[in-house]
Amino acid sequence: MSDFQSADHTKGPRGQKGTSLALRRKISIAVLVLTILTAMTLWLGLLGWGAMEVVLSAVSAVERIWTSAF
């Protein structure tokens, strides 16, 4: 009779279970880090753009007040 072994599909061709799991974990962490860095960069860019708009609006208002007063 044949000796059937349990079908463990989590192991690689040489029975290395930890290698592919560690690689998947590293890839997942790298993707997460890139996603966070991208989101932070976009958010800080948006805040910087908003801050520049506020400064330009304030300068424009001061200029209008200055020209109307003098």
Protein backbone atom coordinates (compact mmCIF):
# COMPACT_ATOMS: atom_id res chain seq x y z
CA MET A 1 0.00 0.00 0.00
CA SER A 2 0.99 3.57 -0.51
CA ASP A 3 2.06 5.68 2.42
CA PHE A 4 0.02 8.88 2.13
CA GLN A 5 1.46 11.93 3.82
CA SER A 6 -0.63 14.84 5.00
CA ALA A 7 -1.03 17.54 2.40
CA ASP A 8 0.70 20.53 3.99
CA HIS A 9 0.47 23.26 1.35
CA THR A 10 2.09 25.90 3.55
CA LYS A 11 5.55 24.43 3.04
CA GLY A 12 7.67 25.10 0.00
CA PRO A 13 9.09 22.43 -2.31
CA ARG A 14 11.87 21.63 0.15
CA GLY A 15 9.72 21.88 3.26
CA GLN A 16 10.76 25.42 4.11
CA LYS A 17 7.78 26.96 5.80
CA GLY A 18 9.40 29.95 7.49
CA THR A 19 11.18 31.42 4.47
CA SER A 20 8.10 32.28 2.43
CA LEU A 21 6.25 33.48 5.52
CA ALA A 22 9.13 35.78 6.49
CA LEU A 23 9.35 37.10 2.94
CA ARG A 24 5.60 37.79 2.85
CA ARG A 25 5.83 39.55 6.20
CA LYS A 26 8.72 41.74 5.00
CA ILE A 27 6.86 42.64 1.81
CA SER A 28 3.72 43.47 3.79
CA ILE A 29 5.68 45.70 6.15
CA ALA A 30 7.41 47.43 3.23
CA VAL A 31 4.07 48.09 1.50
CA LEU A 32 2.61 49.42 4.75
CA VAL A 33 5.59 51.73 5.31
CA LEU A 34 5.39 53.05 1.73
CA THR A 35 1.65 53.64 2.10
CA ILE A 36 2.14 55.56 5.35
CA LEU A 37 4.98 57.64 3.90
CA THR A 38 2.95 58.47 0.81
CA ALA A 39 -0.07 59.47 2.88
CA MET A 40 2.06 61.62 5.20
CA THR A 41 3.77 63.33 2.28
CA LEU A 42 0.47 64.13 0.59
CA TRP A 43 -1.08 65.33 3.85
CA LEU A 44 1.86 67.58 4.72
CA GLY A 45 1.85 68.91 1.17
CA LEU A 46 -1.83 69.72 1.47
CA LEU A 47 -1.25 71.44 4.82
CA GLY A 48 1.67 73.39 3.36
CA TRP A 49 -0.43 74.48 0.40
CA GLY A 50 -3.20 75.58 2.77
CA ALA A 51 -0.74 77.47 4.94
CA MET A 52 0.65 79.27 1.90
CA GLU A 53 -2.87 80.22 0.82
CA VAL A 54 -3.58 81.65 4.28
CA VAL A 55 -0.33 83.65 4.22
CA LEU A 56 -1.03 84.97 0.72
CA SER A 57 -4.57 85.94 1.71
CA ALA A 58 -3.26 87.75 4.79
CA VAL A 59 -0.64 89.60 2.73
CA SER A 60 -3.28 90.56 0.19
CA ALA A 61 -5.58 91.85 2.95
CA VAL A 62 -2.75 93.88 4.54
CA GLU A 63 -1.87 95.30 1.12
CA ARG A 64 -5.49 96.36 0.52
CA ILE A 65 -5.68 98.00 3.94
CA TRP A 66 -2.32 99.73 3.37
CA THR A 67 -3.30 101.10 -0.03
CA SER A 68 -6.69 102.31 1.16
CA ALA A 69 -5.26 103.99 4.27
CA PHE A 70 -2.31 105.74 2.62
